[in-house]
Amino acid sequence: MEQSVYFYIIPSIVMFCCGVYGFITRKNMIAILISLELMLNAVNINFSVFNRFLFPDQMEGMFFALFSIGIAAAETALAIAIIINIYREVKDIDINELTKMKF
């Protein structure tokens, strides 16, 4: 029985929309980072699904997903380091408090 692409794409779209909503509405930098990771995971699902259904014998989508996961891990480590430094200066990780760090 052939599965439909919609079984994979609809949850991916829901994940991406939840990530966009969280990115736009949150004031906490950690919550914004989590929302960004949610969007990246939705994109990774799309890479894998489209590779599976368009080119079933090839692995390019899986490799793109693996590279994306590696880049997301490096981006998360860098973002958390920046958030820790901001917390040391301002004692808060609220986006509205970042105006204190302007020159």
PDB file of N, CA and C in Angstrom:
ATOM      1  N   MET A   1       0.835  -1.182   0.000  1.00  0.00           N
ATOM      2  CA  MET A   1       0.000   0.000   0.000  1.00  0.00           C
ATOM      3  C   MET A   1       0.880   1.245   0.000  1.00  0.00           C
ATOM      4  N   GLU A   2       0.697   2.072  -0.979  1.00  0.00           N
ATOM      5  CA  GLU A   2       1.504   3.278  -1.136  1.00  0.00           C
ATOM      6  C   GLU A   2       0.989   4.370  -0.196  1.00  0.00           C
ATOM      7  N   GLN A   3       1.894   4.910   0.593  1.00  0.00           N
ATOM      8  CA  GLN A   3       1.508   5.995   1.493  1.00  0.00           C
ATOM      9  C   GLN A   3       1.526   7.309   0.745  1.00  0.00           C
ATOM     10  N   SER A   4       0.701   8.198   1.180  1.00  0.00           N
ATOM     11  CA  SER A   4       0.596   9.494   0.535  1.00  0.00           C
ATOM     12  C   SER A   4       1.595  10.470   1.158  1.00  0.00           C
ATOM     13  N   VAL A   5       1.993  11.432   0.370  1.00  0.00           N
ATOM     14  CA  VAL A   5       2.910  12.474   0.847  1.00  0.00           C
ATOM     15  C   VAL A   5       2.236  13.316   1.921  1.00  0.00           C
ATOM     16  N   TYR A   6       0.916  13.401   1.848  1.00  0.00           N
ATOM     17  CA  TYR A   6       0.194  14.262   2.776  1.00  0.00           C
ATOM     18  C   TYR A   6       0.325  13.820   4.221  1.00  0.00           C
ATOM     19  N   PHE A   7       0.536  12.533   4.454  1.00  0.00           N
ATOM     20  CA  PHE A   7       0.702  12.039   5.820  1.00  0.00           C
ATOM     21  C   PHE A   7       1.967  12.593   6.469  1.00  0.00           C
ATOM     22  N   TYR A   8       2.922  13.006   5.663  1.00  0.00           N
ATOM     23  CA  TYR A   8       4.168  13.553   6.174  1.00  0.00           C
ATOM     24  C   TYR A   8       4.220  15.073   6.081  1.00  0.00           C
ATOM     25  N   ILE A   9       3.627  15.621   5.035  1.00  0.00           N
ATOM     26  CA  ILE A   9       3.720  17.060   4.800  1.00  0.00           C
ATOM     27  C   ILE A   9       2.834  17.848   5.761  1.00  0.00           C
ATOM     28  N   ILE A  10       1.650  17.339   6.064  1.00  0.00           N
ATOM     29  CA  ILE A  10       0.734  18.085   6.953  1.00  0.00           C
ATOM     30  C   ILE A  10       1.332  18.252   8.351  1.00  0.00           C
ATOM     31  N   PRO A  11       1.875  17.217   8.996  1.00  0.00           N
ATOM     32  CA  PRO A  11       2.523  17.471  10.294  1.00  0.00           C
ATOM     33  C   PRO A  11       3.729  18.405  10.181  1.00  0.00           C
ATOM     34  N   SER A  12       4.435  18.326   9.059  1.00  0.00           N
ATOM     35  CA  SER A  12       5.568  19.230   8.861  1.00  0.00           C
ATOM     36  C   SER A  12       5.102  20.677   8.744  1.00  0.00           C
ATOM     37  N   ILE A  13       4.001  20.896   8.039  1.00  0.00           N
ATOM     38  CA  ILE A  13       3.456  22.249   7.923  1.00  0.00           C
ATOM     39  C   ILE A  13       2.991  22.753   9.279  1.00  0.00           C
ATOM     40  N   VAL A  14       2.357  21.896  10.057  1.00  0.00           N
ATOM     41  CA  VAL A  14       1.900  22.286  11.402  1.00  0.00           C
ATOM     42  C   VAL A  14       3.095  22.643  12.282  1.00  0.00           C
ATOM     43  N   MET A  15       4.155  21.825  12.211  1.00  0.00           N
ATOM     44  CA  MET A  15       5.363  22.122  12.995  1.00  0.00           C
ATOM     45  C   MET A  15       5.968  23.458  12.591  1.00  0.00           C
ATOM     46  N   PHE A  16       6.048  23.703  11.290  1.00  0.00           N
ATOM     47  CA  PHE A  16       6.640  24.949  10.814  1.00  0.00           C
ATOM     48  C   PHE A  16       5.803  26.151  11.246  1.00  0.00           C
ATOM     49  N   CYS A  17       4.488  26.041  11.138  1.00  0.00           N
ATOM     50  CA  CYS A  17       3.613  27.149  11.538  1.00  0.00           C
ATOM     51  C   CYS A  17       3.694  27.409  13.042  1.00  0.00           C
ATOM     52  N   CYS A  18       3.789  26.351  13.840  1.00  0.00           N
ATOM     53  CA  CYS A  18       3.966  26.534  15.284  1.00  0.00           C
ATOM     54  C   CYS A  18       5.296  27.223  15.584  1.00  0.00           C
ATOM     55  N   GLY A  19       6.330  26.872  14.833  1.00  0.00           N
ATOM     56  CA  GLY A  19       7.625  27.520  15.007  1.00  0.00           C
ATOM     57  C   GLY A  19       7.589  28.988  14.637  1.00  0.00           C
ATOM     58  N   VAL A  20       6.922  29.317  13.541  1.00  0.00           N
ATOM     59  CA  VAL A  20       6.804  30.724  13.135  1.00  0.00           C
ATOM     60  C   VAL A  20       6.019  31.509  14.171  1.00  0.00           C
ATOM     61  N   TYR A  21       4.920  30.932  14.652  1.00  0.00           N
ATOM     62  CA  TYR A  21       4.115  31.602  15.673  1.00  0.00           C
ATOM     63  C   TYR A  21       4.934  31.842  16.945  1.00  0.00           C
ATOM     64  N   GLY A  22       5.658  30.837  17.382  1.00  0.00           N
ATOM     65  CA  GLY A  22       6.495  30.994  18.569  1.00  0.00           C
ATOM     66  C   GLY A  22       7.607  32.003  18.369  1.00  0.00           C
ATOM     67  N   PHE A  23       8.186  32.026  17.182  1.00  0.00           N
ATOM     68  CA  PHE A  23       9.264  32.974  16.896  1.00  0.00           C
ATOM     69  C   PHE A  23       8.763  34.410  16.917  1.00  0.00           C
ATOM     70  N   ILE A  24       7.563  34.624  16.416  1.00  0.00           N
ATOM     71  CA  ILE A  24       7.021  35.979  16.350  1.00  0.00           C
ATOM     72  C   ILE A  24       6.495  36.454  17.699  1.00  0.00           C
ATOM     73  N   THR A  25       5.875  35.581  18.474  1.00  0.00           N
ATOM     74  CA  THR A  25       5.178  36.017  19.682  1.00  0.00           C
ATOM     75  C   THR A  25       6.003  35.968  20.959  1.00  0.00           C
ATOM     76  N   ARG A  26       7.048  35.202  21.021  1.00  0.00           N
ATOM     77  CA  ARG A  26       7.798  35.046  22.271  1.00  0.00           C
ATOM     78  C   ARG A  26       8.745  36.212  22.510  1.00  0.00           C
ATOM     79  N   LYS A  27       8.975  36.506  23.781  1.00  0.00           N
ATOM     80  CA  LYS A  27       9.910  37.556  24.178  1.00  0.00           C
ATOM     81  C   LYS A  27      11.191  36.978  24.780  1.00  0.00           C
ATOM     82  N   ASN A  28      11.137  35.710  25.167  1.00  0.00           N
ATOM     83  CA  ASN A  28      12.279  35.045  25.775  1.00  0.00           C
ATOM     84  C   ASN A  28      13.183  34.487  24.680  1.00  0.00           C
ATOM     85  N   MET A  29      14.481  34.731  24.784  1.00  0.00           N
ATOM     86  CA  MET A  29      15.398  34.293  23.722  1.00  0.00           C
ATOM     87  C   MET A  29      15.500  32.772  23.625  1.00  0.00           C
ATOM     88  N   ILE A  30      15.382  32.069  24.736  1.00  0.00           N
ATOM     89  CA  ILE A  30      15.432  30.604  24.696  1.00  0.00           C
ATOM     90  C   ILE A  30      14.205  30.067  23.957  1.00  0.00           C
ATOM     91  N   ALA A  31      13.033  30.643  24.217  1.00  0.00           N
ATOM     92  CA  ALA A  31      11.820  30.209  23.517  1.00  0.00           C
ATOM     93  C   ALA A  31      11.915  30.506  22.021  1.00  0.00           C
ATOM     94  N   ILE A  32      12.529  31.617  21.666  1.00  0.00           N
ATOM     95  CA  ILE A  32      12.722  31.941  20.253  1.00  0.00           C
ATOM     96  C   ILE A  32      13.662  30.928  19.609  1.00  0.00           C
ATOM     97  N   LEU A  33      14.700  30.538  20.310  1.00  0.00           N
ATOM     98  CA  LEU A  33      15.640  29.543  19.794  1.00  0.00           C
ATOM     99  C   LEU A  33      14.956  28.189  19.604  1.00  0.00           C
ATOM    100  N   ILE A  34      14.106  27.800  20.541  1.00  0.00           N
ATOM    101  CA  ILE A  34      13.371  26.542  20.416  1.00  0.00           C
ATOM    102  C   ILE A  34      12.430  26.594  19.219  1.00  0.00           C
ATOM    103  N   SER A  35      11.782  27.741  19.004  1.00  0.00           N
ATOM    104  CA  SER A  35      10.894  27.892  17.850  1.00  0.00           C
ATOM    105  C   SER A  35      11.668  27.791  16.542  1.00  0.00           C
ATOM    106  N   LEU A  36      12.853  28.356  16.509  1.00  0.00           N
ATOM    107  CA  LEU A  36      13.694  28.260  15.327  1.00  0.00           C
ATOM    108  C   LEU A  36      14.094  26.809  15.058  1.00  0.00           C
ATOM    109  N   GLU A  37      14.417  26.076  16.092  1.00  0.00           N
ATOM    110  CA  GLU A  37      14.760  24.654  15.925  1.00  0.00           C
ATOM    111  C   GLU A  37      13.562  23.850  15.443  1.00  0.00           C
ATOM    112  N   LEU A  38      12.369  24.217  15.881  1.00  0.00           N
ATOM    113  CA  LEU A  38      11.162  23.538  15.418  1.00  0.00           C
ATOM    114  C   LEU A  38      10.967  23.752  13.918  1.00  0.00           C
ATOM    115  N   MET A  39      11.216  24.961  13.458  1.00  0.00           N
ATOM    116  CA  MET A  39      11.116  25.233  12.026  1.00  0.00           C
ATOM    117  C   MET A  39      12.169  24.448  11.241  1.00  0.00           C
ATOM    118  N   LEU A  40      13.384  24.374  11.756  1.00  0.00           N
ATOM    119  CA  LEU A  40      14.433  23.620  11.059  1.00  0.00           C
ATOM    120  C   LEU A  40      14.108  22.127  11.003  1.00  0.00           C
ATOM    121  N   ASN A  41      13.510  21.587  12.051  1.00  0.00           N
ATOM    122  CA  ASN A  41      13.117  20.175  12.030  1.00  0.00           C
ATOM    123  C   ASN A  41      12.008  19.914  11.020  1.00  0.00           C
ATOM    124  N   ALA A  42      11.097  20.860  10.851  1.00  0.00           N
ATOM    125  CA  ALA A  42      10.056  20.713   9.836  1.00  0.00           C
ATOM    126  C   ALA A  42      10.678  20.682   8.440  1.00  0.00           C
ATOM    127  N   VAL A  43      11.680  21.508   8.214  1.00  0.00           N
ATOM    128  CA  VAL A  43      12.370  21.509   6.922  1.00  0.00           C
ATOM    129  C   VAL A  43      13.099  20.190   6.703  1.00  0.00           C
ATOM    130  N   ASN A  44      13.697  19.634   7.750  1.00  0.00           N
ATOM    131  CA  ASN A  44      14.386  18.343   7.623  1.00  0.00           C
ATOM    132  C   ASN A  44      13.411  17.226   7.251  1.00  0.00           C
ATOM    133  N   ILE A  45      12.216  17.273   7.818  1.00  0.00           N
ATOM    134  CA  ILE A  45      11.201  16.281   7.444  1.00  0.00           C
ATOM    135  C   ILE A  45      10.873  16.413   5.960  1.00  0.00           C
ATOM    136  N   ASN A  46      10.748  17.645   5.482  1.00  0.00           N
ATOM    137  CA  ASN A  46      10.449  17.855   4.064  1.00  0.00           C
ATOM    138  C   ASN A  46      11.575  17.349   3.170  1.00  0.00           C
ATOM    139  N   PHE A  47      12.828  17.579   3.560  1.00  0.00           N
ATOM    140  CA  PHE A  47      13.948  17.045   2.784  1.00  0.00           C
ATOM    141  C   PHE A  47      13.826  15.533   2.633  1.00  0.00           C
ATOM    142  N   SER A  48      13.566  14.858   3.733  1.00  0.00           N
ATOM    143  CA  SER A  48      13.505  13.398   3.705  1.00  0.00           C
ATOM    144  C   SER A  48      12.306  12.893   2.910  1.00  0.00           C
ATOM    145  N   VAL A  49      11.163  13.536   3.097  1.00  0.00           N
ATOM    146  CA  VAL A  49       9.948  13.076   2.420  1.00  0.00           C
ATOM    147  C   VAL A  49      10.050  13.265   0.910  1.00  0.00           C
ATOM    148  N   PHE A  50      10.485  14.447   0.484  1.00  0.00           N
ATOM    149  CA  PHE A  50      10.569  14.673  -0.950  1.00  0.00           C
ATOM    150  C   PHE A  50      11.639  13.797  -1.588  1.00  0.00           C
ATOM    151  N   ASN A  51      12.708  13.528  -0.871  1.00  0.00           N
ATOM    152  CA  ASN A  51      13.706  12.600  -1.408  1.00  0.00           C
ATOM    153  C   ASN A  51      13.110  11.205  -1.540  1.00  0.00           C
ATOM    154  N   ARG A  52      12.353  10.773  -0.565  1.00  0.00           N
ATOM    155  CA  ARG A  52      11.778   9.423  -0.570  1.00  0.00           C
ATOM    156  C   ARG A  52      10.779   9.237  -1.705  1.00  0.00           C
ATOM    157  N   PHE A  53       9.963  10.264  -1.947  1.00  0.00           N
ATOM    158  CA  PHE A  53       8.916  10.113  -2.946  1.00  0.00           C
ATOM    159  C   PHE A  53       9.350  10.496  -4.353  1.00  0.00           C
ATOM    160  N   LEU A  54      10.307  11.391  -4.496  1.00  0.00           N
ATOM    161  CA  LEU A  54      10.729  11.799  -5.837  1.00  0.00           C
ATOM    162  C   LEU A  54      11.880  10.950  -6.371  1.00  0.00           C
ATOM    163  N   PHE A  55      12.848  10.661  -5.504  1.00  0.00           N
ATOM    164  CA  PHE A  55      14.023   9.880  -5.901  1.00  0.00           C
ATOM    165  C   PHE A  55      14.254   8.769  -4.886  1.00  0.00           C
ATOM    166  N   PRO A  56      13.494   7.683  -4.938  1.00  0.00           N
ATOM    167  CA  PRO A  56      13.569   6.662  -3.886  1.00  0.00           C
ATOM    168  C   PRO A  56      14.901   5.923  -3.804  1.00  0.00           C
ATOM    169  N   ASP A  57      15.669   5.895  -4.895  1.00  0.00           N
ATOM    170  CA  ASP A  57      16.930   5.157  -4.879  1.00  0.00           C
ATOM    171  C   ASP A  57      18.119   6.011  -4.472  1.00  0.00           C
ATOM    172  N   GLN A  58      17.914   7.301  -4.283  1.00  0.00           N
ATOM    173  CA  GLN A  58      19.020   8.197  -3.963  1.00  0.00           C
ATOM    174  C   GLN A  58      18.875   8.724  -2.539  1.00  0.00           C
ATOM    175  N   MET A  59      19.963   9.300  -2.009  1.00  0.00           N
ATOM    176  CA  MET A  59      19.979   9.709  -0.603  1.00  0.00           C
ATOM    177  C   MET A  59      20.275  11.188  -0.408  1.00  0.00           C
ATOM    178  N   GLU A  60      20.086  12.026  -1.419  1.00  0.00           N
ATOM    179  CA  GLU A  60      20.450  13.434  -1.295  1.00  0.00           C
ATOM    180  C   GLU A  60      19.656  14.151  -0.213  1.00  0.00           C
ATOM    181  N   GLY A  61      18.358  13.870  -0.128  1.00  0.00           N
ATOM    182  CA  GLY A  61      17.525  14.515   0.891  1.00  0.00           C
ATOM    183  C   GLY A  61      17.966  14.161   2.292  1.00  0.00           C
ATOM    184  N   MET A  62      18.378  12.920   2.486  1.00  0.00           N
ATOM    185  CA  MET A  62      18.853  12.500   3.805  1.00  0.00           C
ATOM    186  C   MET A  62      20.169  13.207   4.158  1.00  0.00           C
ATOM    187  N   PHE A  63      21.036  13.361   3.157  1.00  0.00           N
ATOM    188  CA  PHE A  63      22.301  14.054   3.408  1.00  0.00           C
ATOM    189  C   PHE A  63      22.074  15.529   3.704  1.00  0.00           C
ATOM    190  N   PHE A  64      21.145  16.147   2.975  1.00  0.00           N
ATOM    191  CA  PHE A  64      20.812  17.543   3.276  1.00  0.00           C
ATOM    192  C   PHE A  64      20.273  17.664   4.697  1.00  0.00           C
ATOM    193  N   ALA A  65      19.437  16.716   5.108  1.00  0.00           N
ATOM    194  CA  ALA A  65      18.893  16.741   6.466  1.00  0.00           C
ATOM    195  C   ALA A  65      20.009  16.584   7.496  1.00  0.00           C
ATOM    196  N   LEU A  66      20.965  15.692   7.239  1.00  0.00           N
ATOM    197  CA  LEU A  66      22.082  15.519   8.180  1.00  0.00           C
ATOM    198  C   LEU A  66      22.946  16.772   8.269  1.00  0.00           C
ATOM    199  N   PHE A  67      23.241  17.394   7.141  1.00  0.00           N
ATOM    200  CA  PHE A  67      23.999  18.641   7.174  1.00  0.00           C
ATOM    201  C   PHE A  67      23.223  19.738   7.890  1.00  0.00           C
ATOM    202  N   SER A  68      21.931  19.782   7.678  1.00  0.00           N
ATOM    203  CA  SER A  68      21.096  20.770   8.350  1.00  0.00           C
ATOM    204  C   SER A  68      21.085  20.551   9.866  1.00  0.00           C
ATOM    205  N   ILE A  69      21.060  19.317  10.294  1.00  0.00           N
ATOM    206  CA  ILE A  69      21.107  19.014  11.727  1.00  0.00           C
ATOM    207  C   ILE A  69      22.443  19.456  12.310  1.00  0.00           C
ATOM    208  N   GLY A  70      23.535  19.206  11.591  1.00  0.00           N
ATOM    209  CA  GLY A  70      24.852  19.647  12.061  1.00  0.00           C
ATOM    210  C   GLY A  70      24.959  21.157  12.160  1.00  0.00           C
ATOM    211  N   ILE A  71      24.447  21.847  11.159  1.00  0.00           N
ATOM    212  CA  ILE A  71      24.474  23.317  11.185  1.00  0.00           C
ATOM    213  C   ILE A  71      23.579  23.837  12.298  1.00  0.00           C
ATOM    214  N   ALA A  72      22.432  23.201  12.514  1.00  0.00           N
ATOM    215  CA  ALA A  72      21.533  23.629  13.588  1.00  0.00           C
ATOM    216  C   ALA A  72      22.177  23.423  14.958  1.00  0.00           C
ATOM    217  N   ALA A  73      22.950  22.359  15.120  1.00  0.00           N
ATOM    218  CA  ALA A  73      23.629  22.131  16.396  1.00  0.00           C
ATOM    219  C   ALA A  73      24.675  23.210  16.649  1.00  0.00           C
ATOM    220  N   ALA A  74      25.438  23.554  15.622  1.00  0.00           N
ATOM    221  CA  ALA A  74      26.433  24.624  15.776  1.00  0.00           C
ATOM    222  C   ALA A  74      25.759  25.963  16.043  1.00  0.00           C
ATOM    223  N   GLU A  75      24.670  26.229  15.350  1.00  0.00           N
ATOM    224  CA  GLU A  75      23.930  27.483  15.561  1.00  0.00           C
ATOM    225  C   GLU A  75      23.354  27.552  16.962  1.00  0.00           C
ATOM    226  N   THR A  76      22.867  26.449  17.476  1.00  0.00           N
ATOM    227  CA  THR A  76      22.320  26.426  18.834  1.00  0.00           C
ATOM    228  C   THR A  76      23.409  26.662  19.868  1.00  0.00           C
ATOM    229  N   ALA A  77      24.556  26.051  19.693  1.00  0.00           N
ATOM    230  CA  ALA A  77      25.654  26.260  20.636  1.00  0.00           C
ATOM    231  C   ALA A  77      26.096  27.720  20.645  1.00  0.00           C
ATOM    232  N   LEU A  78      26.199  28.310  19.477  1.00  0.00           N
ATOM    233  CA  LEU A  78      26.579  29.713  19.388  1.00  0.00           C
ATOM    234  C   LEU A  78      25.515  30.625  19.991  1.00  0.00           C
ATOM    235  N   ALA A  79      24.249  30.348  19.709  1.00  0.00           N
ATOM    236  CA  ALA A  79      23.159  31.170  20.244  1.00  0.00           C
ATOM    237  C   ALA A  79      23.088  31.070  21.767  1.00  0.00           C
ATOM    238  N   ILE A  80      23.288  29.892  22.318  1.00  0.00           N
ATOM    239  CA  ILE A  80      23.256  29.750  23.777  1.00  0.00           C
ATOM    240  C   ILE A  80      24.432  30.478  24.410  1.00  0.00           C
ATOM    241  N   ALA A  81      25.593  30.461  23.771  1.00  0.00           N
ATOM    242  CA  ALA A  81      26.738  31.221  24.289  1.00  0.00           C
ATOM    243  C   ALA A  81      26.442  32.721  24.281  1.00  0.00           C
ATOM    244  N   ILE A  82      25.813  33.203  23.226  1.00  0.00           N
ATOM    245  CA  ILE A  82      25.447  34.618  23.173  1.00  0.00           C
ATOM    246  C   ILE A  82      24.409  34.944  24.230  1.00  0.00           C
ATOM    247  N   ILE A  83      23.430  34.076  24.422  1.00  0.00           N
ATOM    248  CA  ILE A  83      22.395  34.304  25.433  1.00  0.00           C
ATOM    249  C   ILE A  83      22.995  34.328  26.830  1.00  0.00           C
ATOM    250  N   ILE A  84      23.957  33.460  27.103  1.00  0.00           N
ATOM    251  CA  ILE A  84      24.616  33.448  28.415  1.00  0.00           C
ATOM    252  C   ILE A  84      25.368  34.755  28.640  1.00  0.00           C
ATOM    253  N   ASN A  85      26.066  35.249  27.626  1.00  0.00           N
ATOM    254  CA  ASN A  85      26.775  36.525  27.772  1.00  0.00           C
ATOM    255  C   ASN A  85      25.808  37.691  27.973  1.00  0.00           C
ATOM    256  N   ILE A  86      24.688  37.674  27.282  1.00  0.00           N
ATOM    257  CA  ILE A  86      23.681  38.722  27.480  1.00  0.00           C
ATOM    258  C   ILE A  86      23.120  38.645  28.894  1.00  0.00           C
ATOM    259  N   TYR A  87      22.876  37.441  29.387  1.00  0.00           N
ATOM    260  CA  TYR A  87      22.347  37.293  30.737  1.00  0.00           C
ATOM    261  C   TYR A  87      23.339  37.813  31.778  1.00  0.00           C
ATOM    262  N   ARG A  88      24.630  37.612  31.550  1.00  0.00           N
ATOM    263  CA  ARG A  88      25.636  38.118  32.485  1.00  0.00           C
ATOM    264  C   ARG A  88      25.650  39.641  32.548  1.00  0.00           C
ATOM    265  N   GLU A  89      25.368  40.280  31.415  1.00  0.00           N
ATOM    266  CA  GLU A  89      25.373  41.750  31.374  1.00  0.00           C
ATOM    267  C   GLU A  89      24.073  42.346  31.889  1.00  0.00           C
ATOM    268  N   VAL A  90      22.954  41.833  31.430  1.00  0.00           N
ATOM    269  CA  VAL A  90      21.662  42.472  31.678  1.00  0.00           C
ATOM    270  C   VAL A  90      20.895  41.807  32.812  1.00  0.00           C
ATOM    271  N   LYS A  91      21.207  40.561  33.151  1.00  0.00           N
ATOM    272  CA  LYS A  91      20.515  39.750  34.156  1.00  0.00           C
ATOM    273  C   LYS A  91      19.084  39.413  33.747  1.00  0.00           C
ATOM    274  N   ASP A  92      18.823  39.421  32.449  1.00  0.00           N
ATOM    275  CA  ASP A  92      17.514  39.057  31.924  1.00  0.00           C
ATOM    276  C   ASP A  92      17.697  38.657  30.458  1.00  0.00           C
ATOM    277  N   ILE A  93      16.886  37.710  29.993  1.00  0.00           N
ATOM    278  CA  ILE A  93      17.003  37.303  28.593  1.00  0.00           C
ATOM    279  C   ILE A  93      15.741  37.688  27.818  1.00  0.00           C
ATOM    280  N   ASP A  94      15.077  38.726  28.289  1.00  0.00           N
ATOM    281  CA  ASP A  94      13.915  39.249  27.593  1.00  0.00           C
ATOM    282  C   ASP A  94      14.377  40.119  26.433  1.00  0.00           C
ATOM    283  N   ILE A  95      13.713  39.995  25.300  1.00  0.00           N
ATOM    284  CA  ILE A  95      14.097  40.748  24.105  1.00  0.00           C
ATOM    285  C   ILE A  95      13.988  42.253  24.343  1.00  0.00           C
ATOM    286  N   ASN A  96      13.013  42.673  25.106  1.00  0.00           N
ATOM    287  CA  ASN A  96      12.813  44.102  25.334  1.00  0.00           C
ATOM    288  C   ASN A  96      13.939  44.730  26.155  1.00  0.00           C
ATOM    289  N   GLU A  97      14.668  43.944  26.908  1.00  0.00           N
ATOM    290  CA  GLU A  97      15.754  44.453  27.735  1.00  0.00           C
ATOM    291  C   GLU A  97      17.059  44.619  26.960  1.00  0.00           C
ATOM    292  N   LEU A  98      17.099  44.193  25.720  1.00  0.00           N
ATOM    293  CA  LEU A  98      18.336  44.284  24.941  1.00  0.00           C
ATOM    294  C   LEU A  98      18.654  45.694  24.502  1.00  0.00           C
ATOM    295  N   THR A  99      17.739  46.616  24.643  1.00  0.00           N
ATOM    296  CA  THR A  99      18.029  48.003  24.264  1.00  0.00           C
ATOM    297  C   THR A  99      19.070  48.618  25.194  1.00  0.00           C
ATOM    298  N   LYS A 100      19.266  48.047  26.363  1.00  0.00           N
ATOM    299  CA  LYS A 100      20.283  48.543  27.299  1.00  0.00           C
ATOM    300  C   LYS A 100      21.691  48.314  26.784  1.00  0.00           C
ATOM    301  N   MET A 101      21.859  47.363  25.861  1.00  0.00           N
ATOM    302  CA  MET A 101      23.197  47.034  25.372  1.00  0.00           C
ATOM    303  C   MET A 101      23.597  47.833  24.142  1.00  0.00           C
ATOM    304  N   LYS A 102      22.738  48.742  23.678  1.00  0.00           N
ATOM    305  CA  LYS A 102      23.092  49.554  22.519  1.00  0.00           C
ATOM    306  C   LYS A 102      24.178  50.533  22.900  1.00  0.00           C
ATOM    307  N   PHE A 103      24.954  50.952  21.894  1.00  0.00           N
ATOM    308  CA  PHE A 103      26.056  51.881  22.140  1.00  0.00           C
ATOM    309  C   PHE A 103      25.541  53.271  22.368  1.00  0.00           C
TER     310      PHE A 103
END
